[in-house]
Amino acid sequence: MSKPPAKTNACRLLDQLGVAYTMHPYEVDPEDLSAATVARKVGLPLEQVWKTLVCKGERTGVVLVLLPGDASLDTKALAAHRGDKKVEPVGLKEVEPLTGYIRGGVTAFGGKKAYPVVVDETFELHPIVSVSAGMRGLQLFMTPADYLRATGATIAAIAK
């Protein structure tokens, strides 16, 4: 029997908050970090595997955005929700310095700073969602309500 994966900073933060989750490790292919591949490996439909993007508004600054694995970001809708004229994803070189996490392992939990979080309006349609545990190769399954409670996220129509 293989030993369970080590807990990440994200897991430790969730433990402190009393948030229920389960850890789901998977084999990482550094050449394919797509949500579709992660969904297949953790055994969930693609719309239940959520990706975390790091974006920046010209007025409101950095925001973490959660989208279903099969969607892309509507930057105009996000900007309107945040009160910005323009919001764009940050460059890959900025992701780790801002969050402490690398591409494919970004999560709203336990990063360098607690940024505001916005999730797409379809988030609460699922009994369980999968989000990164703060490293490639480990996903967390939890209820949308627990995620929203732990992050203080707002909900908006931001996917297309």
N, C-alpha and C. Protein backbone atom coordinates (compact mmCIF):
# COMPACT_ATOMS: atom_id res chain seq x y z
N MET A 1 0.85 -1.19 0.00
CA MET A 1 0.00 0.00 0.00
C MET A 1 0.88 1.24 0.00
N SER A 2 0.60 2.17 -0.89
CA SER A 2 1.43 3.38 -0.96
C SER A 2 1.04 4.35 0.15
N LYS A 3 2.03 5.12 0.59
CA LYS A 3 1.74 6.06 1.67
C LYS A 3 1.02 7.28 1.11
N PRO A 4 0.19 7.92 1.93
CA PRO A 4 -0.53 9.10 1.44
C PRO A 4 0.45 10.24 1.14
N PRO A 5 0.04 11.14 0.23
CA PRO A 5 0.92 12.27 -0.10
C PRO A 5 1.09 13.19 1.11
N ALA A 6 2.23 13.86 1.13
CA ALA A 6 2.49 14.84 2.21
C ALA A 6 1.53 16.00 2.06
N LYS A 7 1.13 16.57 3.17
CA LYS A 7 0.22 17.72 3.14
C LYS A 7 0.97 18.96 2.68
N THR A 8 0.31 19.75 1.87
CA THR A 8 0.86 21.01 1.37
C THR A 8 0.44 22.14 2.32
N ASN A 9 0.98 23.33 2.09
CA ASN A 9 0.55 24.50 2.86
C ASN A 9 -0.96 24.71 2.73
N ALA A 10 -1.49 24.45 1.54
CA ALA A 10 -2.93 24.60 1.32
C ALA A 10 -3.70 23.64 2.23
N CYS A 11 -3.25 22.39 2.34
CA CYS A 11 -3.91 21.41 3.21
C CYS A 11 -3.84 21.84 4.67
N ARG A 12 -2.68 22.31 5.08
CA ARG A 12 -2.53 22.73 6.48
C ARG A 12 -3.45 23.91 6.80
N LEU A 13 -3.59 24.85 5.87
CA LEU A 13 -4.50 25.98 6.08
C LEU A 13 -5.95 25.49 6.19
N LEU A 14 -6.34 24.59 5.31
CA LEU A 14 -7.70 24.04 5.37
C LEU A 14 -7.94 23.29 6.68
N ASP A 15 -6.93 22.58 7.15
CA ASP A 15 -7.04 21.89 8.44
C ASP A 15 -7.29 22.90 9.56
N GLN A 16 -6.54 24.01 9.54
CA GLN A 16 -6.71 25.05 10.57
C GLN A 16 -8.12 25.65 10.53
N LEU A 17 -8.68 25.75 9.32
CA LEU A 17 -10.01 26.33 9.16
C LEU A 17 -11.13 25.31 9.41
N GLY A 18 -10.75 24.05 9.59
CA GLY A 18 -11.75 23.01 9.81
C GLY A 18 -12.53 22.65 8.56
N VAL A 19 -11.90 22.80 7.39
CA VAL A 19 -12.55 22.51 6.11
C VAL A 19 -12.28 21.06 5.71
N ALA A 20 -13.34 20.34 5.38
CA ALA A 20 -13.21 18.95 4.94
C ALA A 20 -12.74 18.90 3.48
N TYR A 21 -11.82 17.99 3.20
CA TYR A 21 -11.33 17.78 1.84
C TYR A 21 -10.71 16.39 1.78
N THR A 22 -10.52 15.89 0.58
CA THR A 22 -9.75 14.67 0.39
C THR A 22 -8.67 14.96 -0.63
N MET A 23 -7.51 14.32 -0.45
CA MET A 23 -6.37 14.51 -1.36
C MET A 23 -6.39 13.43 -2.44
N HIS A 24 -6.13 13.85 -3.67
CA HIS A 24 -6.13 12.93 -4.80
C HIS A 24 -4.87 13.15 -5.65
N PRO A 25 -3.83 12.34 -5.38
CA PRO A 25 -2.61 12.46 -6.16
C PRO A 25 -2.80 11.88 -7.57
N TYR A 26 -2.01 12.39 -8.49
CA TYR A 26 -2.02 11.86 -9.85
C TYR A 26 -0.62 12.03 -10.43
N GLU A 27 -0.33 11.23 -11.45
CA GLU A 27 0.96 11.27 -12.13
C GLU A 27 1.02 12.51 -13.03
N VAL A 28 2.06 13.31 -12.86
CA VAL A 28 2.20 14.57 -13.60
C VAL A 28 2.97 14.36 -14.90
N ASP A 29 2.45 14.92 -15.96
CA ASP A 29 3.17 15.00 -17.23
C ASP A 29 3.48 16.47 -17.44
N PRO A 30 4.75 16.91 -17.21
CA PRO A 30 5.07 18.33 -17.33
C PRO A 30 4.77 18.93 -18.71
N GLU A 31 4.62 18.06 -19.71
CA GLU A 31 4.31 18.52 -21.06
C GLU A 31 2.81 18.72 -21.26
N ASP A 32 1.99 18.20 -20.33
CA ASP A 32 0.54 18.32 -20.45
C ASP A 32 -0.07 18.59 -19.08
N LEU A 33 -0.21 19.88 -18.75
CA LEU A 33 -0.79 20.29 -17.47
C LEU A 33 -2.26 20.68 -17.62
N SER A 34 -2.88 20.24 -18.70
CA SER A 34 -4.25 20.65 -18.99
C SER A 34 -5.24 20.10 -17.97
N ALA A 35 -6.32 20.85 -17.80
CA ALA A 35 -7.38 20.42 -16.90
C ALA A 35 -8.01 19.11 -17.38
N ALA A 36 -8.08 18.91 -18.69
CA ALA A 36 -8.65 17.67 -19.23
C ALA A 36 -7.84 16.46 -18.80
N THR A 37 -6.54 16.59 -18.83
CA THR A 37 -5.67 15.49 -18.39
C THR A 37 -5.81 15.24 -16.90
N VAL A 38 -5.84 16.32 -16.11
CA VAL A 38 -6.01 16.17 -14.66
C VAL A 38 -7.35 15.50 -14.37
N ALA A 39 -8.42 15.94 -15.04
CA ALA A 39 -9.75 15.36 -14.82
C ALA A 39 -9.74 13.86 -15.08
N ARG A 40 -9.13 13.46 -16.18
CA ARG A 40 -9.05 12.04 -16.52
C ARG A 40 -8.30 11.27 -15.44
N LYS A 41 -7.21 11.85 -14.96
CA LYS A 41 -6.37 11.16 -13.97
C LYS A 41 -7.00 11.07 -12.59
N VAL A 42 -7.85 12.06 -12.23
CA VAL A 42 -8.48 12.01 -10.90
C VAL A 42 -9.90 11.45 -10.97
N GLY A 43 -10.38 11.14 -12.19
CA GLY A 43 -11.65 10.47 -12.35
C GLY A 43 -12.89 11.33 -12.16
N LEU A 44 -12.79 12.60 -12.50
CA LEU A 44 -13.96 13.49 -12.42
C LEU A 44 -14.26 14.07 -13.79
N PRO A 45 -15.52 14.45 -14.03
CA PRO A 45 -15.83 15.16 -15.28
C PRO A 45 -15.06 16.49 -15.33
N LEU A 46 -14.72 16.90 -16.53
CA LEU A 46 -13.92 18.11 -16.72
C LEU A 46 -14.54 19.34 -16.06
N GLU A 47 -15.87 19.46 -16.08
CA GLU A 47 -16.51 20.64 -15.49
C GLU A 47 -16.42 20.67 -13.96
N GLN A 48 -15.97 19.58 -13.34
CA GLN A 48 -15.79 19.57 -11.88
C GLN A 48 -14.34 19.80 -11.47
N VAL A 49 -13.44 19.86 -12.43
CA VAL A 49 -12.03 20.15 -12.16
C VAL A 49 -11.80 21.62 -12.50
N TRP A 50 -11.48 22.39 -11.47
CA TRP A 50 -11.39 23.84 -11.60
C TRP A 50 -9.94 24.30 -11.65
N LYS A 51 -9.67 25.21 -12.58
CA LYS A 51 -8.33 25.77 -12.72
C LYS A 51 -8.30 27.16 -12.09
N THR A 52 -7.17 27.48 -11.48
CA THR A 52 -6.99 28.77 -10.83
C THR A 52 -6.05 29.62 -11.67
N LEU A 53 -6.55 30.76 -12.12
CA LEU A 53 -5.75 31.69 -12.91
C LEU A 53 -5.39 32.89 -12.04
N VAL A 54 -4.24 33.48 -12.32
CA VAL A 54 -3.81 34.69 -11.62
C VAL A 54 -3.98 35.84 -12.61
N CYS A 55 -4.80 36.80 -12.24
CA CYS A 55 -5.08 37.94 -13.11
C CYS A 55 -4.79 39.24 -12.38
N LYS A 56 -4.75 40.32 -13.15
CA LYS A 56 -4.49 41.63 -12.56
C LYS A 56 -5.35 42.67 -13.23
N GLY A 57 -6.06 43.43 -12.42
CA GLY A 57 -6.86 44.54 -12.93
C GLY A 57 -6.06 45.82 -12.83
N GLU A 58 -6.30 46.75 -13.74
CA GLU A 58 -5.51 47.99 -13.74
C GLU A 58 -5.81 48.85 -12.52
N ARG A 59 -6.97 48.66 -11.91
CA ARG A 59 -7.33 49.44 -10.74
C ARG A 59 -7.29 48.62 -9.44
N THR A 60 -7.83 47.40 -9.49
CA THR A 60 -7.98 46.60 -8.27
C THR A 60 -6.84 45.63 -7.99
N GLY A 61 -5.92 45.46 -8.93
CA GLY A 61 -4.75 44.61 -8.69
C GLY A 61 -5.01 43.13 -8.90
N VAL A 62 -4.24 42.31 -8.18
CA VAL A 62 -4.22 40.87 -8.38
C VAL A 62 -5.50 40.22 -7.84
N VAL A 63 -6.00 39.26 -8.61
CA VAL A 63 -7.18 38.48 -8.23
C VAL A 63 -6.95 37.05 -8.72
N LEU A 64 -7.37 36.08 -7.91
CA LEU A 64 -7.34 34.68 -8.33
C LEU A 64 -8.71 34.34 -8.88
N VAL A 65 -8.73 33.64 -10.01
CA VAL A 65 -9.96 33.35 -10.72
C VAL A 65 -10.10 31.84 -10.89
N LEU A 66 -11.25 31.31 -10.51
CA LEU A 66 -11.51 29.88 -10.66
C LEU A 66 -12.50 29.65 -11.78
N LEU A 67 -12.07 28.80 -12.73
CA LEU A 67 -12.90 28.47 -13.88
C LEU A 67 -12.99 26.96 -14.02
N PRO A 68 -14.13 26.47 -14.55
CA PRO A 68 -14.20 25.05 -14.83
C PRO A 68 -13.16 24.69 -15.89
N GLY A 69 -12.70 23.45 -15.83
CA GLY A 69 -11.63 23.02 -16.73
C GLY A 69 -11.96 23.14 -18.20
N ASP A 70 -13.25 23.16 -18.54
CA ASP A 70 -13.65 23.23 -19.95
C ASP A 70 -14.00 24.64 -20.41
N ALA A 71 -13.64 25.66 -19.61
CA ALA A 71 -14.01 27.04 -19.95
C ALA A 71 -12.78 27.92 -20.08
N SER A 72 -12.98 29.08 -20.68
CA SER A 72 -11.95 30.11 -20.72
C SER A 72 -12.50 31.37 -20.06
N LEU A 73 -11.62 32.28 -19.74
CA LEU A 73 -11.99 33.49 -18.99
C LEU A 73 -12.55 34.57 -19.90
N ASP A 74 -13.66 35.14 -19.48
CA ASP A 74 -14.23 36.32 -20.12
C ASP A 74 -13.66 37.53 -19.37
N THR A 75 -12.58 38.09 -19.88
CA THR A 75 -11.88 39.16 -19.17
C THR A 75 -12.75 40.41 -19.01
N LYS A 76 -13.63 40.67 -19.98
CA LYS A 76 -14.51 41.83 -19.86
C LYS A 76 -15.50 41.65 -18.72
N ALA A 77 -16.05 40.45 -18.58
CA ALA A 77 -16.99 40.18 -17.49
C ALA A 77 -16.28 40.27 -16.13
N LEU A 78 -15.06 39.75 -16.06
CA LEU A 78 -14.30 39.83 -14.81
C LEU A 78 -13.99 41.29 -14.47
N ALA A 79 -13.58 42.06 -15.46
CA ALA A 79 -13.27 43.48 -15.23
C ALA A 79 -14.52 44.21 -14.72
N ALA A 80 -15.66 43.95 -15.32
CA ALA A 80 -16.90 44.60 -14.89
C ALA A 80 -17.23 44.20 -13.45
N HIS A 81 -17.07 42.94 -13.13
CA HIS A 81 -17.35 42.45 -11.77
C HIS A 81 -16.42 43.10 -10.75
N ARG A 82 -15.17 43.32 -11.11
CA ARG A 82 -14.16 43.84 -10.19
C ARG A 82 -14.12 45.37 -10.16
N GLY A 83 -14.79 46.03 -11.11
CA GLY A 83 -14.74 47.48 -11.16
C GLY A 83 -13.51 48.00 -11.87
N ASP A 84 -12.98 47.18 -12.77
CA ASP A 84 -11.82 47.57 -13.56
C ASP A 84 -12.25 47.84 -15.00
N LYS A 85 -11.45 48.64 -15.71
CA LYS A 85 -11.69 48.81 -17.14
C LYS A 85 -11.12 47.62 -17.90
N LYS A 86 -10.03 47.06 -17.33
CA LYS A 86 -9.34 45.98 -18.02
C LYS A 86 -8.73 45.03 -16.99
N VAL A 87 -8.88 43.73 -17.24
CA VAL A 87 -8.25 42.69 -16.41
C VAL A 87 -7.59 41.70 -17.36
N GLU A 88 -6.37 41.32 -17.05
CA GLU A 88 -5.65 40.35 -17.88
C GLU A 88 -4.96 39.32 -17.02
N PRO A 89 -4.80 38.08 -17.53
CA PRO A 89 -3.98 37.11 -16.82
C PRO A 89 -2.54 37.64 -16.72
N VAL A 90 -1.88 37.38 -15.60
CA VAL A 90 -0.49 37.81 -15.48
C VAL A 90 0.39 36.88 -16.30
N GLY A 91 1.58 37.34 -16.64
CA GLY A 91 2.52 36.51 -17.38
C GLY A 91 3.02 35.36 -16.51
N LEU A 92 3.43 34.27 -17.15
CA LEU A 92 3.91 33.10 -16.41
C LEU A 92 5.05 33.43 -15.45
N LYS A 93 5.89 34.37 -15.83
CA LYS A 93 7.02 34.75 -14.97
C LYS A 93 6.57 35.42 -13.69
N GLU A 94 5.35 35.99 -13.68
CA GLU A 94 4.83 36.67 -12.49
C GLU A 94 4.08 35.75 -11.53
N VAL A 95 3.63 34.60 -12.01
CA VAL A 95 2.77 33.71 -11.21
C VAL A 95 3.46 33.29 -9.91
N GLU A 96 4.64 32.73 -10.00
CA GLU A 96 5.31 32.24 -8.78
C GLU A 96 5.70 33.37 -7.82
N PRO A 97 6.28 34.48 -8.30
CA PRO A 97 6.59 35.56 -7.36
C PRO A 97 5.36 36.12 -6.63
N LEU A 98 4.21 36.15 -7.32
CA LEU A 98 2.99 36.67 -6.71
C LEU A 98 2.36 35.69 -5.73
N THR A 99 2.36 34.40 -6.09
CA THR A 99 1.59 33.42 -5.32
C THR A 99 2.43 32.45 -4.50
N GLY A 100 3.67 32.22 -4.94
CA GLY A 100 4.48 31.17 -4.33
C GLY A 100 4.25 29.82 -4.98
N TYR A 101 3.38 29.77 -5.98
CA TYR A 101 3.05 28.52 -6.66
C TYR A 101 3.46 28.57 -8.13
N ILE A 102 3.75 27.39 -8.69
CA ILE A 102 4.11 27.31 -10.11
C ILE A 102 2.88 26.96 -10.94
N ARG A 103 2.96 27.23 -12.23
CA ARG A 103 1.88 26.90 -13.17
C ARG A 103 1.52 25.43 -13.00
N GLY A 104 0.23 25.17 -12.91
CA GLY A 104 -0.23 23.79 -12.72
C GLY A 104 -0.39 23.44 -11.25
N GLY A 105 -0.01 24.37 -10.37
CA GLY A 105 -0.12 24.11 -8.93
C GLY A 105 -0.66 25.30 -8.16
N VAL A 106 -1.23 26.27 -8.88
CA VAL A 106 -1.74 27.48 -8.21
C VAL A 106 -3.05 27.17 -7.49
N THR A 107 -3.16 27.64 -6.25
CA THR A 107 -4.38 27.49 -5.47
C THR A 107 -4.60 28.76 -4.66
N ALA A 108 -5.83 28.96 -4.21
CA ALA A 108 -6.16 30.14 -3.40
C ALA A 108 -5.77 29.94 -1.94
N PHE A 109 -5.35 28.74 -1.58
CA PHE A 109 -5.04 28.43 -0.18
C PHE A 109 -3.54 28.45 0.11
N GLY A 110 -3.13 29.16 1.16
CA GLY A 110 -1.77 29.07 1.65
C GLY A 110 -0.69 29.69 0.79
N GLY A 111 -1.06 30.62 -0.06
CA GLY A 111 -0.07 31.27 -0.91
C GLY A 111 0.68 32.37 -0.17
N LYS A 112 1.54 33.09 -0.90
CA LYS A 112 2.32 34.18 -0.31
C LYS A 112 1.44 35.26 0.26
N LYS A 113 0.29 35.48 -0.37
CA LYS A 113 -0.64 36.52 0.05
C LYS A 113 -2.06 36.03 -0.22
N ALA A 114 -2.99 36.45 0.60
CA ALA A 114 -4.39 36.08 0.40
C ALA A 114 -5.04 37.09 -0.54
N TYR A 115 -5.09 36.74 -1.81
CA TYR A 115 -5.70 37.62 -2.81
C TYR A 115 -7.20 37.38 -2.85
N PRO A 116 -7.95 38.37 -3.35
CA PRO A 116 -9.38 38.14 -3.58
C PRO A 116 -9.56 36.99 -4.58
N VAL A 117 -10.66 36.27 -4.44
CA VAL A 117 -10.95 35.14 -5.32
C VAL A 117 -12.33 35.34 -5.94
N VAL A 118 -12.42 35.08 -7.25
CA VAL A 118 -13.69 35.12 -7.96
C VAL A 118 -13.87 33.76 -8.63
N VAL A 119 -15.04 33.14 -8.42
CA VAL A 119 -15.35 31.86 -9.05
C VAL A 119 -16.50 32.05 -10.04
N ASP A 120 -16.47 31.23 -11.09
CA ASP A 120 -17.55 31.31 -12.06
C ASP A 120 -18.87 30.86 -11.44
N GLU A 121 -19.95 31.39 -11.96
CA GLU A 121 -21.28 31.14 -11.41
C GLU A 121 -21.71 29.67 -11.43
N THR A 122 -21.06 28.84 -12.23
CA THR A 122 -21.43 27.42 -12.30
C THR A 122 -20.81 26.59 -11.18
N PHE A 123 -20.01 27.21 -10.35
CA PHE A 123 -19.27 26.52 -9.29
C PHE A 123 -20.17 25.71 -8.36
N GLU A 124 -21.27 26.31 -7.96
CA GLU A 124 -22.14 25.67 -6.97
C GLU A 124 -23.08 24.61 -7.56
N LEU A 125 -22.98 24.34 -8.84
CA LEU A 125 -23.83 23.33 -9.47
C LEU A 125 -23.37 21.91 -9.18
N HIS A 126 -22.18 21.77 -8.62
CA HIS A 126 -21.57 20.45 -8.43
C HIS A 126 -21.53 20.07 -6.95
N PRO A 127 -21.71 18.78 -6.65
CA PRO A 127 -21.63 18.35 -5.25
C PRO A 127 -20.20 18.40 -4.72
N ILE A 128 -19.25 18.14 -5.61
CA ILE A 128 -17.82 18.14 -5.27
C ILE A 128 -17.07 18.84 -6.39
N VAL A 129 -16.07 19.63 -6.02
CA VAL A 129 -15.18 20.23 -7.01
C VAL A 129 -13.75 19.83 -6.69
N SER A 130 -12.92 19.86 -7.70
CA SER A 130 -11.51 19.54 -7.56
C SER A 130 -10.69 20.79 -7.84
N VAL A 131 -9.79 21.14 -6.91
CA VAL A 131 -8.90 22.28 -7.08
C VAL A 131 -7.48 21.84 -6.74
N SER A 132 -6.52 22.60 -7.19
CA SER A 132 -5.12 22.27 -6.90
C SER A 132 -4.84 22.37 -5.41
N ALA A 133 -3.98 21.46 -4.95
CA ALA A 133 -3.56 21.45 -3.55
C ALA A 133 -2.32 22.32 -3.34
N GLY A 134 -1.91 23.04 -4.38
CA GLY A 134 -0.73 23.90 -4.25
C GLY A 134 0.53 23.28 -4.80
N MET A 135 0.37 22.19 -5.53
CA MET A 135 1.51 21.56 -6.21
C MET A 135 0.97 20.74 -7.38
N ARG A 136 1.82 20.55 -8.37
CA ARG A 136 1.43 19.68 -9.47
C ARG A 136 1.34 18.26 -8.92
N GLY A 137 0.34 17.53 -9.37
CA GLY A 137 0.22 16.13 -8.99
C GLY A 137 -0.64 15.87 -7.77
N LEU A 138 -1.30 16.90 -7.24
CA LEU A 138 -2.17 16.69 -6.09
C LEU A 138 -3.38 17.63 -6.17
N GLN A 139 -4.56 17.03 -6.22
CA GLN A 139 -5.81 17.77 -6.25
C GLN A 139 -6.55 17.58 -4.93
N LEU A 140 -7.35 18.57 -4.57
CA LEU A 140 -8.21 18.49 -3.40
C LEU A 140 -9.65 18.43 -3.87
N PHE A 141 -10.41 17.49 -3.33
CA PHE A 141 -11.84 17.42 -3.59
C PHE A 141 -12.54 17.99 -2.36
N MET A 142 -13.50 18.88 -2.59
CA MET A 142 -14.26 19.48 -1.50
C MET A 142 -15.60 19.97 -2.02
N THR A 143 -16.46 20.36 -1.11
CA THR A 143 -17.74 20.92 -1.56
C THR A 143 -17.52 22.38 -1.97
N PRO A 144 -18.30 22.86 -2.92
CA PRO A 144 -18.20 24.27 -3.28
C PRO A 144 -18.44 25.19 -2.08
N ALA A 145 -19.39 24.83 -1.21
CA ALA A 145 -19.68 25.67 -0.04
C ALA A 145 -18.45 25.81 0.87
N ASP A 146 -17.71 24.71 1.06
CA ASP A 146 -16.51 24.78 1.89
C ASP A 146 -15.43 25.64 1.24
N TYR A 147 -15.29 25.52 -0.09
CA TYR A 147 -14.31 26.35 -0.80
C TYR A 147 -14.66 27.82 -0.64
N LEU A 148 -15.93 28.14 -0.86
CA LEU A 148 -16.37 29.54 -0.77
C LEU A 148 -16.17 30.09 0.64
N ARG A 149 -16.48 29.28 1.64
CA ARG A 149 -16.30 29.70 3.03
C ARG A 149 -14.82 29.94 3.34
N ALA A 150 -13.96 29.06 2.86
CA ALA A 150 -12.52 29.15 3.18
C ALA A 150 -11.83 30.30 2.44
N THR A 151 -12.32 30.67 1.28
CA THR A 151 -11.66 31.71 0.47
C THR A 151 -12.36 33.05 0.56
N GLY A 152 -13.62 33.07 0.93
CA GLY A 152 -14.38 34.32 0.88
C GLY A 152 -14.62 34.77 -0.54
N ALA A 153 -14.60 33.83 -1.48
CA ALA A 153 -14.73 34.14 -2.90
C ALA A 153 -16.08 34.76 -3.23
N THR A 154 -16.08 35.56 -4.28
CA THR A 154 -17.32 36.07 -4.84
C THR A 154 -17.64 35.24 -6.09
N ILE A 155 -18.91 35.26 -6.46
CA ILE A 155 -19.38 34.46 -7.61
C ILE A 155 -19.82 35.42 -8.70
N ALA A 156 -19.41 35.12 -9.94
CA ALA A 156 -19.78 35.97 -11.07
C ALA A 156 -19.79 35.15 -12.35
N ALA A 157 -20.47 35.63 -13.36
CA ALA A 157 -20.50 34.99 -14.68
C ALA A 157 -19.24 35.42 -15.42
N ILE A 158 -18.17 34.66 -15.28
CA ILE A 158 -16.87 35.05 -15.85
C ILE A 158 -16.30 34.05 -16.84
N ALA A 159 -17.02 32.95 -17.08
CA ALA A 159 -16.51 31.93 -18.00
C ALA A 159 -17.18 32.08 -19.36
N LYS A 160 -16.44 31.65 -20.37
CA LYS A 160 -17.03 31.56 -21.72
C LYS A 160 -16.61 30.28 -22.36
